[in-house]
Amino acid sequence: MDSNKVLYWTIGVILVLALTGVSVYAYGQKVSLDEKTDEVATLETQVIESQPEEVSADNCVGDSCLSVDGLEYPAGELPAAVSSAVKAALDDEYKAFSTYDAVIAKLGSVRPFSMIIRAEESHIASLKAVLDKYGETIPANPYAGKVVVKSTAKENCQIGVDAEIANVALYRDELLSKVAGYDDITAVFNNLMNASKDKHLPSFEKCN
């Protein structure tokens, strides 16, 4: 059988499986083609919805600002209240990172701390990017090496639950209202708040 026939035969089999919804093995896992198609569609929708229609100086942060022509740094001067809000958010993310880092130092690379700490690094980077954009001085982490944690994973998971609940409340009840009118900072705050509420908190609740 030549290579073209093999290709046509393979495509035909895939189409039949897709039409009938037959389960197949892919990368060592049994999955339904229908289910995988739904997952791909969902991911595509999430990516599209997370992107602004047009990136501008008003809504860009970090790498997205590289696509904005003529954007000079600093992009402007933040009012004192807005600057304080961003630095308060950074302080809270510093505290979370240092807490989870202390747990890993004490107990080893245990989940979910070993995964969430990487997300906290990303959160910190996002807030630093905002401060860089507006020419603000970036505070150092005041909690590094100073956080005392518990002796068991379960106890520390409760610390994580409490920290993520407080983090969501901080953004929702205090900080978001202070950055109204700044689309870029509002977007960052919403992303970090939703990550805490929808991803980190449930992970800590499961291990508690």
N, C-alpha and C. Protein backbone atom coordinates (compact mmCIF):
# COMPACT_ATOMS: atom_id res chain seq x y z
N MET A 1 0.86 -1.19 0.00
CA MET A 1 0.00 0.00 0.00
C MET A 1 0.90 1.24 0.00
N ASP A 2 0.71 2.17 -1.00
CA ASP A 2 1.58 3.34 -1.05
C ASP A 2 1.18 4.34 0.03
N SER A 3 2.02 5.39 0.18
CA SER A 3 1.83 6.34 1.28
C SER A 3 0.53 7.11 1.15
N ASN A 4 0.09 7.43 -0.07
CA ASN A 4 -1.15 8.16 -0.26
C ASN A 4 -2.35 7.34 0.19
N LYS A 5 -2.35 6.05 -0.13
CA LYS A 5 -3.45 5.18 0.28
C LYS A 5 -3.50 5.05 1.79
N VAL A 6 -2.33 4.94 2.41
CA VAL A 6 -2.28 4.86 3.87
C VAL A 6 -2.87 6.11 4.49
N LEU A 7 -2.51 7.27 3.90
CA LEU A 7 -3.02 8.53 4.43
C LEU A 7 -4.53 8.60 4.31
N TYR A 8 -5.07 8.24 3.11
CA TYR A 8 -6.52 8.30 2.91
C TYR A 8 -7.24 7.33 3.84
N TRP A 9 -6.68 6.15 4.01
CA TRP A 9 -7.30 5.15 4.89
C TRP A 9 -7.34 5.65 6.32
N THR A 10 -6.23 6.27 6.79
CA THR A 10 -6.16 6.79 8.15
C THR A 10 -7.20 7.88 8.37
N ILE A 11 -7.30 8.81 7.40
CA ILE A 11 -8.28 9.89 7.50
C ILE A 11 -9.69 9.33 7.55
N GLY A 12 -9.95 8.30 6.75
CA GLY A 12 -11.28 7.70 6.74
C GLY A 12 -11.64 7.09 8.07
N VAL A 13 -10.70 6.40 8.69
CA VAL A 13 -10.94 5.79 10.00
C VAL A 13 -11.24 6.86 11.04
N ILE A 14 -10.46 7.95 11.01
CA ILE A 14 -10.66 9.03 11.98
C ILE A 14 -12.04 9.64 11.82
N LEU A 15 -12.47 9.84 10.56
CA LEU A 15 -13.79 10.43 10.32
C LEU A 15 -14.91 9.52 10.83
N VAL A 16 -14.76 8.21 10.60
CA VAL A 16 -15.76 7.27 11.07
C VAL A 16 -15.85 7.30 12.59
N LEU A 17 -14.69 7.31 13.25
CA LEU A 17 -14.68 7.35 14.71
C LEU A 17 -15.30 8.64 15.22
N ALA A 18 -15.00 9.75 14.56
CA ALA A 18 -15.55 11.03 14.98
C ALA A 18 -17.06 11.05 14.84
N LEU A 19 -17.58 10.48 13.76
CA LEU A 19 -19.02 10.49 13.51
C LEU A 19 -19.77 9.57 14.46
N THR A 20 -19.14 8.51 14.86
CA THR A 20 -19.81 7.54 15.72
C THR A 20 -19.56 7.78 17.20
N GLY A 21 -18.62 8.69 17.51
CA GLY A 21 -18.34 8.99 18.92
C GLY A 21 -17.62 7.87 19.61
N VAL A 22 -16.91 7.00 18.88
CA VAL A 22 -16.22 5.87 19.47
C VAL A 22 -15.05 6.38 20.31
N SER A 23 -14.83 5.74 21.44
CA SER A 23 -13.71 6.12 22.30
C SER A 23 -12.42 5.59 21.71
N VAL A 24 -11.36 6.38 21.79
CA VAL A 24 -10.05 5.97 21.30
C VAL A 24 -9.02 6.26 22.39
N TYR A 25 -7.83 5.65 22.21
CA TYR A 25 -6.75 5.90 23.13
C TYR A 25 -5.82 6.96 22.53
N ALA A 26 -5.61 8.04 23.27
CA ALA A 26 -4.74 9.10 22.80
C ALA A 26 -3.78 9.48 23.92
N TYR A 27 -2.48 9.41 23.63
CA TYR A 27 -1.45 9.73 24.61
C TYR A 27 -1.66 8.94 25.90
N GLY A 28 -2.05 7.67 25.76
CA GLY A 28 -2.16 6.79 26.91
C GLY A 28 -3.44 6.95 27.70
N GLN A 29 -4.40 7.78 27.24
CA GLN A 29 -5.64 7.96 27.97
C GLN A 29 -6.81 7.66 27.05
N LYS A 30 -7.83 6.99 27.58
CA LYS A 30 -9.02 6.69 26.81
C LYS A 30 -9.92 7.91 26.81
N VAL A 31 -10.16 8.47 25.61
CA VAL A 31 -10.97 9.68 25.50
C VAL A 31 -11.94 9.53 24.35
N SER A 32 -13.03 10.24 24.42
CA SER A 32 -14.00 10.31 23.34
C SER A 32 -13.65 11.46 22.43
N LEU A 33 -13.70 11.23 21.11
CA LEU A 33 -13.41 12.30 20.18
C LEU A 33 -14.39 13.44 20.34
N ASP A 34 -15.64 13.10 20.64
CA ASP A 34 -16.63 14.15 20.86
C ASP A 34 -16.26 15.00 22.06
N GLU A 35 -15.78 14.33 23.13
CA GLU A 35 -15.39 15.06 24.33
C GLU A 35 -14.20 15.95 24.05
N LYS A 36 -13.22 15.45 23.29
CA LYS A 36 -12.04 16.24 23.00
C LYS A 36 -12.41 17.44 22.14
N THR A 37 -13.34 17.25 21.19
CA THR A 37 -13.77 18.37 20.36
C THR A 37 -14.40 19.46 21.20
N ASP A 38 -15.24 19.05 22.17
CA ASP A 38 -15.86 20.02 23.07
C ASP A 38 -14.82 20.76 23.90
N GLU A 39 -13.80 20.02 24.36
CA GLU A 39 -12.76 20.65 25.17
C GLU A 39 -11.99 21.68 24.36
N VAL A 40 -11.66 21.34 23.12
CA VAL A 40 -10.93 22.27 22.26
C VAL A 40 -11.76 23.52 22.01
N ALA A 41 -13.06 23.33 21.73
CA ALA A 41 -13.93 24.48 21.49
C ALA A 41 -14.01 25.37 22.72
N THR A 42 -14.08 24.75 23.89
CA THR A 42 -14.13 25.52 25.13
C THR A 42 -12.87 26.32 25.34
N LEU A 43 -11.71 25.68 25.10
CA LEU A 43 -10.44 26.37 25.26
C LEU A 43 -10.31 27.53 24.29
N GLU A 44 -10.75 27.31 23.03
CA GLU A 44 -10.68 28.38 22.03
C GLU A 44 -11.54 29.56 22.46
N THR A 45 -12.73 29.28 23.00
CA THR A 45 -13.61 30.35 23.46
C THR A 45 -12.99 31.12 24.60
N GLN A 46 -12.36 30.39 25.54
CA GLN A 46 -11.73 31.06 26.67
C GLN A 46 -10.60 31.97 26.22
N VAL A 47 -9.80 31.51 25.26
CA VAL A 47 -8.69 32.31 24.77
C VAL A 47 -9.20 33.57 24.09
N ILE A 48 -10.24 33.41 23.26
CA ILE A 48 -10.79 34.56 22.55
C ILE A 48 -11.37 35.57 23.52
N GLU A 49 -12.12 35.09 24.53
CA GLU A 49 -12.77 35.99 25.47
C GLU A 49 -11.77 36.70 26.37
N SER A 50 -10.59 36.10 26.57
CA SER A 50 -9.61 36.71 27.47
C SER A 50 -8.80 37.80 26.80
N GLN A 51 -8.89 37.92 25.48
CA GLN A 51 -8.12 38.89 24.75
C GLN A 51 -8.94 40.15 24.49
N PRO A 52 -8.37 41.33 24.75
CA PRO A 52 -9.09 42.56 24.44
C PRO A 52 -9.27 42.70 22.94
N GLU A 53 -10.34 43.36 22.52
CA GLU A 53 -10.60 43.53 21.10
C GLU A 53 -9.46 44.29 20.43
N GLU A 54 -8.93 45.29 21.10
CA GLU A 54 -7.84 46.08 20.55
C GLU A 54 -6.91 46.48 21.69
N VAL A 55 -5.64 46.13 21.55
CA VAL A 55 -4.67 46.47 22.58
C VAL A 55 -4.25 47.91 22.39
N SER A 56 -4.31 48.67 23.48
CA SER A 56 -3.94 50.08 23.43
C SER A 56 -3.10 50.41 24.66
N ALA A 57 -2.65 51.65 24.73
CA ALA A 57 -1.88 52.08 25.89
C ALA A 57 -2.70 52.02 27.17
N ASP A 58 -4.03 52.10 27.02
CA ASP A 58 -4.90 52.10 28.20
C ASP A 58 -5.12 50.71 28.80
N ASN A 59 -5.04 49.66 27.97
CA ASN A 59 -5.35 48.33 28.50
C ASN A 59 -4.19 47.35 28.46
N CYS A 60 -3.05 47.76 27.89
CA CYS A 60 -1.93 46.82 27.78
C CYS A 60 -1.15 46.74 29.08
N VAL A 61 -0.59 45.57 29.33
CA VAL A 61 0.29 45.35 30.48
C VAL A 61 1.37 44.37 30.04
N GLY A 62 2.61 44.62 30.45
CA GLY A 62 3.68 43.68 30.15
C GLY A 62 3.92 43.53 28.66
N ASP A 63 4.03 42.29 28.20
CA ASP A 63 4.37 42.01 26.81
C ASP A 63 3.35 42.58 25.83
N SER A 64 2.08 42.68 26.23
CA SER A 64 1.08 43.19 25.29
C SER A 64 1.36 44.64 24.92
N CYS A 65 2.09 45.37 25.78
CA CYS A 65 2.44 46.76 25.47
C CYS A 65 3.46 46.86 24.34
N LEU A 66 4.16 45.77 24.06
CA LEU A 66 5.14 45.78 22.98
C LEU A 66 4.49 45.98 21.62
N SER A 67 3.21 45.67 21.51
CA SER A 67 2.50 45.81 20.24
C SER A 67 1.88 47.19 20.06
N VAL A 68 2.03 48.04 21.07
CA VAL A 68 1.46 49.39 20.99
C VAL A 68 2.53 50.35 20.48
N ASP A 69 2.32 50.88 19.29
CA ASP A 69 3.30 51.79 18.69
C ASP A 69 3.36 53.11 19.45
N GLY A 70 4.57 53.61 19.64
CA GLY A 70 4.75 54.93 20.22
C GLY A 70 4.50 55.03 21.71
N LEU A 71 4.33 53.90 22.38
CA LEU A 71 4.08 53.94 23.82
C LEU A 71 5.40 54.17 24.57
N GLU A 72 5.46 55.28 25.25
CA GLU A 72 6.66 55.61 26.01
C GLU A 72 6.47 55.22 27.48
N TYR A 73 7.57 54.83 28.10
CA TYR A 73 7.54 54.52 29.52
C TYR A 73 8.23 55.64 30.29
N PRO A 74 7.68 56.09 31.40
CA PRO A 74 6.39 55.66 31.96
C PRO A 74 5.21 56.16 31.13
N ALA A 75 4.13 55.38 31.17
CA ALA A 75 2.94 55.70 30.38
C ALA A 75 2.11 56.79 31.01
N GLY A 76 2.43 57.19 32.22
CA GLY A 76 1.69 58.22 32.92
C GLY A 76 2.06 58.19 34.39
N GLU A 77 1.43 59.02 35.15
CA GLU A 77 1.69 59.07 36.59
C GLU A 77 0.44 58.64 37.34
N LEU A 78 0.58 57.67 38.21
CA LEU A 78 -0.58 57.17 38.95
C LEU A 78 -0.91 58.09 40.12
N PRO A 79 -2.20 58.34 40.33
CA PRO A 79 -2.61 59.03 41.56
C PRO A 79 -2.18 58.21 42.78
N ALA A 80 -2.03 58.88 43.89
CA ALA A 80 -1.55 58.20 45.11
C ALA A 80 -2.43 57.02 45.49
N ALA A 81 -3.75 57.17 45.36
CA ALA A 81 -4.66 56.10 45.77
C ALA A 81 -4.51 54.87 44.88
N VAL A 82 -4.30 55.10 43.58
CA VAL A 82 -4.14 53.99 42.64
C VAL A 82 -2.80 53.29 42.89
N SER A 83 -1.77 54.08 43.05
CA SER A 83 -0.45 53.52 43.35
C SER A 83 -0.49 52.68 44.62
N SER A 84 -1.14 53.17 45.64
CA SER A 84 -1.25 52.43 46.91
C SER A 84 -2.02 51.13 46.73
N ALA A 85 -3.05 51.16 45.87
CA ALA A 85 -3.84 49.95 45.63
C ALA A 85 -3.00 48.87 44.96
N VAL A 86 -2.21 49.26 43.97
CA VAL A 86 -1.36 48.28 43.27
C VAL A 86 -0.32 47.71 44.24
N LYS A 87 0.26 48.57 45.06
CA LYS A 87 1.27 48.10 45.99
C LYS A 87 0.67 47.25 47.11
N ALA A 88 -0.58 47.52 47.47
CA ALA A 88 -1.26 46.67 48.46
C ALA A 88 -1.52 45.28 47.88
N ALA A 89 -1.89 45.25 46.60
CA ALA A 89 -2.09 43.96 45.94
C ALA A 89 -0.78 43.18 45.87
N LEU A 90 0.30 43.88 45.51
CA LEU A 90 1.61 43.23 45.43
C LEU A 90 2.03 42.71 46.80
N ASP A 91 1.78 43.47 47.84
CA ASP A 91 2.13 43.05 49.19
C ASP A 91 1.42 41.75 49.55
N ASP A 92 0.13 41.65 49.19
CA ASP A 92 -0.62 40.45 49.52
C ASP A 92 -0.12 39.25 48.73
N GLU A 93 0.25 39.47 47.46
CA GLU A 93 0.77 38.36 46.65
C GLU A 93 2.15 37.94 47.16
N TYR A 94 2.95 38.92 47.60
CA TYR A 94 4.24 38.59 48.23
C TYR A 94 4.03 37.69 49.44
N LYS A 95 3.04 38.04 50.26
CA LYS A 95 2.78 37.28 51.48
C LYS A 95 2.37 35.85 51.15
N ALA A 96 1.49 35.70 50.14
CA ALA A 96 1.06 34.36 49.74
C ALA A 96 2.24 33.55 49.22
N PHE A 97 3.05 34.16 48.36
CA PHE A 97 4.21 33.45 47.81
C PHE A 97 5.14 33.00 48.93
N SER A 98 5.44 33.89 49.87
CA SER A 98 6.37 33.56 50.94
C SER A 98 5.82 32.49 51.87
N THR A 99 4.49 32.49 52.07
CA THR A 99 3.86 31.47 52.90
C THR A 99 3.99 30.10 52.25
N TYR A 100 3.66 30.02 50.97
CA TYR A 100 3.71 28.74 50.27
C TYR A 100 5.15 28.28 50.10
N ASP A 101 6.07 29.21 49.95
CA ASP A 101 7.49 28.88 49.87
C ASP A 101 7.97 28.29 51.19
N ALA A 102 7.48 28.84 52.29
CA ALA A 102 7.87 28.33 53.61
C ALA A 102 7.32 26.91 53.83
N VAL A 103 6.11 26.65 53.33
CA VAL A 103 5.54 25.31 53.45
C VAL A 103 6.40 24.30 52.69
N ILE A 104 6.80 24.67 51.49
CA ILE A 104 7.62 23.77 50.67
C ILE A 104 8.99 23.55 51.33
N ALA A 105 9.54 24.60 51.91
CA ALA A 105 10.83 24.46 52.60
C ALA A 105 10.71 23.51 53.78
N LYS A 106 9.54 23.49 54.43
CA LYS A 106 9.35 22.66 55.62
C LYS A 106 8.94 21.23 55.29
N LEU A 107 8.04 21.08 54.30
CA LEU A 107 7.45 19.76 54.02
C LEU A 107 7.91 19.14 52.71
N GLY A 108 8.64 19.88 51.90
CA GLY A 108 9.03 19.37 50.60
C GLY A 108 8.06 19.85 49.52
N SER A 109 8.26 19.39 48.32
CA SER A 109 7.46 19.86 47.17
C SER A 109 6.10 19.16 47.14
N VAL A 110 5.23 19.57 48.06
CA VAL A 110 3.92 18.94 48.20
C VAL A 110 2.87 19.75 47.44
N ARG A 111 1.91 19.03 46.87
CA ARG A 111 0.80 19.70 46.21
C ARG A 111 -0.25 20.09 47.24
N PRO A 112 -1.01 21.16 47.00
CA PRO A 112 -0.98 22.02 45.81
C PRO A 112 0.02 23.17 45.91
N PHE A 113 0.78 23.24 47.02
CA PHE A 113 1.69 24.36 47.21
C PHE A 113 2.73 24.46 46.10
N SER A 114 3.25 23.32 45.66
CA SER A 114 4.30 23.32 44.65
C SER A 114 3.80 23.84 43.30
N MET A 115 2.49 23.77 43.07
CA MET A 115 1.93 24.27 41.82
C MET A 115 1.46 25.72 41.97
N ILE A 116 0.81 26.02 43.08
CA ILE A 116 0.26 27.36 43.27
C ILE A 116 1.36 28.40 43.44
N ILE A 117 2.50 28.01 43.97
CA ILE A 117 3.57 28.98 44.16
C ILE A 117 4.04 29.53 42.83
N ARG A 118 3.97 28.72 41.77
CA ARG A 118 4.35 29.20 40.44
C ARG A 118 3.34 30.23 39.95
N ALA A 119 2.08 30.01 40.25
CA ALA A 119 1.06 30.98 39.89
C ALA A 119 1.28 32.29 40.64
N GLU A 120 1.70 32.19 41.90
CA GLU A 120 1.97 33.40 42.67
C GLU A 120 3.12 34.20 42.07
N GLU A 121 4.11 33.51 41.52
CA GLU A 121 5.20 34.21 40.84
C GLU A 121 4.65 35.00 39.65
N SER A 122 3.70 34.40 38.94
CA SER A 122 3.08 35.07 37.80
C SER A 122 2.26 36.28 38.26
N HIS A 123 1.55 36.13 39.37
CA HIS A 123 0.77 37.24 39.91
C HIS A 123 1.67 38.42 40.27
N ILE A 124 2.77 38.11 40.91
CA ILE A 124 3.73 39.15 41.30
C ILE A 124 4.29 39.84 40.07
N ALA A 125 4.62 39.05 39.04
CA ALA A 125 5.16 39.63 37.81
C ALA A 125 4.16 40.56 37.14
N SER A 126 2.87 40.19 37.16
CA SER A 126 1.84 41.03 36.55
C SER A 126 1.74 42.39 37.24
N LEU A 127 1.80 42.38 38.56
CA LEU A 127 1.71 43.63 39.30
C LEU A 127 2.98 44.46 39.16
N LYS A 128 4.12 43.81 39.09
CA LYS A 128 5.37 44.54 38.83
C LYS A 128 5.34 45.20 37.46
N ALA A 129 4.72 44.52 36.48
CA ALA A 129 4.62 45.08 35.13
C ALA A 129 3.78 46.36 35.14
N VAL A 130 2.72 46.37 35.95
CA VAL A 130 1.90 47.58 36.09
C VAL A 130 2.73 48.72 36.67
N LEU A 131 3.47 48.43 37.73
CA LEU A 131 4.29 49.46 38.36
C LEU A 131 5.38 49.95 37.42
N ASP A 132 5.98 49.05 36.66
CA ASP A 132 6.98 49.44 35.66
C ASP A 132 6.37 50.37 34.61
N LYS A 133 5.17 50.02 34.17
CA LYS A 133 4.52 50.79 33.11
C LYS A 133 4.35 52.25 33.52
N TYR A 134 4.07 52.48 34.79
CA TYR A 134 3.82 53.84 35.26
C TYR A 134 5.01 54.44 36.01
N GLY A 135 6.16 53.81 35.89
CA GLY A 135 7.37 54.37 36.47
C GLY A 135 7.41 54.38 37.97
N GLU A 136 6.68 53.46 38.59
CA GLU A 136 6.62 53.39 40.05
C GLU A 136 7.78 52.54 40.59
N THR A 137 8.21 52.87 41.77
CA THR A 137 9.22 52.06 42.46
C THR A 137 8.58 50.75 42.93
N ILE A 138 9.27 49.65 42.68
CA ILE A 138 8.73 48.34 43.07
C ILE A 138 9.24 47.97 44.45
N PRO A 139 8.34 47.81 45.42
CA PRO A 139 8.78 47.42 46.78
C PRO A 139 9.36 46.02 46.80
N ALA A 140 10.29 45.79 47.70
CA ALA A 140 10.84 44.44 47.90
C ALA A 140 9.85 43.61 48.70
N ASN A 141 10.05 42.30 48.67
CA ASN A 141 9.20 41.39 49.42
C ASN A 141 9.58 41.44 50.91
N PRO A 142 8.69 41.97 51.76
CA PRO A 142 9.03 42.09 53.18
C PRO A 142 8.84 40.79 53.96
N TYR A 143 8.28 39.76 53.31
CA TYR A 143 7.95 38.51 54.01
C TYR A 143 8.96 37.39 53.76
N ALA A 144 9.90 37.61 52.86
CA ALA A 144 10.83 36.55 52.47
C ALA A 144 11.59 36.00 53.67
N GLY A 145 11.44 34.70 53.91
CA GLY A 145 12.15 34.04 55.00
C GLY A 145 11.62 34.34 56.38
N LYS A 146 10.47 35.01 56.47
CA LYS A 146 9.96 35.43 57.77
C LYS A 146 8.63 34.78 58.16
N VAL A 147 8.05 33.99 57.28
CA VAL A 147 6.73 33.40 57.54
C VAL A 147 6.90 32.08 58.29
N VAL A 148 6.14 31.92 59.36
CA VAL A 148 6.15 30.68 60.12
C VAL A 148 4.91 29.87 59.74
N VAL A 149 5.10 28.60 59.39
CA VAL A 149 3.99 27.77 58.96
C VAL A 149 3.82 26.57 59.90
N LYS A 150 2.79 25.79 59.64
CA LYS A 150 2.46 24.66 60.51
C LYS A 150 3.29 23.42 60.13
N SER A 151 3.10 22.37 60.93
CA SER A 151 3.93 21.17 60.75
C SER A 151 3.30 20.11 59.85
N THR A 152 2.01 20.27 59.51
CA THR A 152 1.35 19.28 58.67
C THR A 152 0.76 19.94 57.43
N ALA A 153 0.61 19.13 56.38
CA ALA A 153 0.04 19.64 55.13
C ALA A 153 -1.40 20.11 55.34
N LYS A 154 -2.16 19.37 56.13
CA LYS A 154 -3.56 19.73 56.35
C LYS A 154 -3.68 21.09 57.03
N GLU A 155 -2.87 21.32 58.04
CA GLU A 155 -2.91 22.61 58.73
C GLU A 155 -2.52 23.75 57.79
N ASN A 156 -1.54 23.50 56.96
CA ASN A 156 -1.09 24.53 56.02
C ASN A 156 -2.10 24.75 54.90
N CYS A 157 -2.83 23.72 54.55
CA CYS A 157 -3.90 23.90 53.56
C CYS A 157 -4.97 24.84 54.09
N GLN A 158 -5.24 24.77 55.39
CA GLN A 158 -6.20 25.70 55.99
C GLN A 158 -5.67 27.13 55.94
N ILE A 159 -4.37 27.27 56.13
CA ILE A 159 -3.75 28.58 55.97
C ILE A 159 -3.96 29.08 54.55
N GLY A 160 -3.80 28.17 53.58
CA GLY A 160 -4.02 28.52 52.18
C GLY A 160 -5.46 28.94 51.92
N VAL A 161 -6.41 28.21 52.50
CA VAL A 161 -7.83 28.56 52.35
C VAL A 161 -8.07 29.97 52.87
N ASP A 162 -7.60 30.24 54.07
CA ASP A 162 -7.81 31.55 54.68
C ASP A 162 -7.15 32.66 53.85
N ALA A 163 -5.95 32.38 53.35
CA ALA A 163 -5.22 33.38 52.58
C ALA A 163 -5.92 33.71 51.27
N GLU A 164 -6.43 32.68 50.59
CA GLU A 164 -7.09 32.92 49.30
C GLU A 164 -8.44 33.61 49.48
N ILE A 165 -9.17 33.27 50.54
CA ILE A 165 -10.43 33.97 50.83
C ILE A 165 -10.15 35.46 51.09
N ALA A 166 -9.11 35.73 51.88
CA ALA A 166 -8.75 37.11 52.19
C ALA A 166 -8.29 37.85 50.94
N ASN A 167 -7.59 37.15 50.06
CA ASN A 167 -7.11 37.75 48.82
C ASN A 167 -8.26 38.18 47.92
N VAL A 168 -9.24 37.30 47.78
CA VAL A 168 -10.42 37.63 46.97
C VAL A 168 -11.15 38.83 47.55
N ALA A 169 -11.33 38.84 48.86
CA ALA A 169 -12.03 39.95 49.52
C ALA A 169 -11.26 41.26 49.36
N LEU A 170 -9.95 41.18 49.40
CA LEU A 170 -9.13 42.38 49.25
C LEU A 170 -9.37 43.04 47.89
N TYR A 171 -9.31 42.24 46.83
CA TYR A 171 -9.54 42.79 45.50
C TYR A 171 -10.98 43.28 45.35
N ARG A 172 -11.92 42.43 45.74
CA ARG A 172 -13.34 42.72 45.51
C ARG A 172 -13.83 43.90 46.33
N ASP A 173 -13.48 43.95 47.60
CA ASP A 173 -14.08 44.91 48.52
C ASP A 173 -13.27 46.19 48.69
N GLU A 174 -11.98 46.14 48.39
CA GLU A 174 -11.14 47.31 48.66
C GLU A 174 -10.43 47.87 47.43
N LEU A 175 -9.80 47.02 46.66
CA LEU A 175 -8.85 47.52 45.66
C LEU A 175 -9.47 47.85 44.31
N LEU A 176 -10.42 47.05 43.85
CA LEU A 176 -10.96 47.28 42.51
C LEU A 176 -11.60 48.65 42.37
N SER A 177 -12.30 49.10 43.38
CA SER A 177 -12.96 50.40 43.29
C SER A 177 -11.95 51.55 43.21
N LYS A 178 -10.75 51.33 43.74
CA LYS A 178 -9.74 52.38 43.75
C LYS A 178 -9.03 52.55 42.40
N VAL A 179 -9.16 51.56 41.52
CA VAL A 179 -8.48 51.65 40.21
C VAL A 179 -9.48 51.81 39.07
N ALA A 180 -10.72 52.17 39.40
CA ALA A 180 -11.72 52.40 38.36
C ALA A 180 -11.20 53.48 37.41
N GLY A 181 -11.37 53.26 36.12
CA GLY A 181 -10.85 54.20 35.13
C GLY A 181 -9.52 53.77 34.55
N TYR A 182 -8.88 52.78 35.16
CA TYR A 182 -7.63 52.21 34.65
C TYR A 182 -7.93 50.79 34.17
N ASP A 183 -8.19 50.66 32.87
CA ASP A 183 -8.59 49.35 32.32
C ASP A 183 -7.51 48.30 32.50
N ASP A 184 -6.26 48.69 32.35
CA ASP A 184 -5.16 47.74 32.47
C ASP A 184 -5.06 47.18 33.89
N ILE A 185 -5.12 48.06 34.88
CA ILE A 185 -4.99 47.62 36.27
C ILE A 185 -6.23 46.85 36.70
N THR A 186 -7.39 47.31 36.26
CA THR A 186 -8.63 46.59 36.58
C THR A 186 -8.59 45.16 36.04
N ALA A 187 -8.10 45.01 34.81
CA ALA A 187 -8.02 43.67 34.20
C ALA A 187 -7.07 42.77 34.99
N VAL A 188 -5.94 43.31 35.40
CA VAL A 188 -4.98 42.52 36.19
C VAL A 188 -5.60 42.12 37.52
N PHE A 189 -6.23 43.06 38.20
CA PHE A 189 -6.86 42.75 39.50
C PHE A 189 -7.93 41.68 39.34
N ASN A 190 -8.76 41.80 38.32
CA ASN A 190 -9.82 40.80 38.10
C ASN A 190 -9.23 39.42 37.81
N ASN A 191 -8.18 39.37 37.01
CA ASN A 191 -7.55 38.09 36.69
C ASN A 191 -6.98 37.43 37.93
N LEU A 192 -6.32 38.21 38.76
CA LEU A 192 -5.71 37.65 39.98
C LEU A 192 -6.78 37.23 40.98
N MET A 193 -7.83 38.04 41.11
CA MET A 193 -8.92 37.69 42.02
C MET A 193 -9.60 36.40 41.58
N ASN A 194 -9.88 36.28 40.29
CA ASN A 194 -10.56 35.09 39.78
C ASN A 194 -9.69 33.84 39.90
N ALA A 195 -8.39 34.00 39.72
CA ALA A 195 -7.49 32.85 39.89
C ALA A 195 -7.52 32.35 41.32
N SER A 196 -7.53 33.28 42.27
CA SER A 196 -7.60 32.89 43.68
C SER A 196 -8.92 32.20 43.99
N LYS A 197 -10.01 32.77 43.48
CA LYS A 197 -11.36 32.25 43.79
C LYS A 197 -11.65 30.93 43.09
N ASP A 198 -11.29 30.84 41.82
CA ASP A 198 -11.71 29.70 41.00
C ASP A 198 -10.69 28.56 40.93
N LYS A 199 -9.43 28.84 41.25
CA LYS A 199 -8.39 27.81 41.12
C LYS A 199 -7.69 27.51 42.43
N HIS A 200 -7.14 28.53 43.05
CA HIS A 200 -6.35 28.28 44.26
C HIS A 200 -7.21 27.84 45.44
N LEU A 201 -8.28 28.57 45.70
CA LEU A 201 -9.15 28.25 46.84
C LEU A 201 -9.69 26.83 46.76
N PRO A 202 -10.28 26.41 45.62
CA PRO A 202 -10.78 25.02 45.56
C PRO A 202 -9.68 23.98 45.77
N SER A 203 -8.47 24.27 45.31
CA SER A 203 -7.36 23.32 45.50
C SER A 203 -7.01 23.16 46.97
N PHE A 204 -6.97 24.26 47.69
CA PHE A 204 -6.67 24.20 49.12
C PHE A 204 -7.82 23.55 49.89
N GLU A 205 -9.04 23.80 49.47
CA GLU A 205 -10.19 23.19 50.15
C GLU A 205 -10.17 21.68 49.99
N LYS A 206 -9.73 21.18 48.84
CA LYS A 206 -9.68 19.74 48.62
C LYS A 206 -8.64 19.06 49.50
N CYS A 207 -7.54 19.74 49.76
CA CYS A 207 -6.47 19.09 50.55
C CYS A 207 -6.64 19.35 52.03
N ASN A 208 -7.63 20.15 52.40
CA ASN A 208 -7.82 20.51 53.82
C ASN A 208 -8.49 19.35 54.59
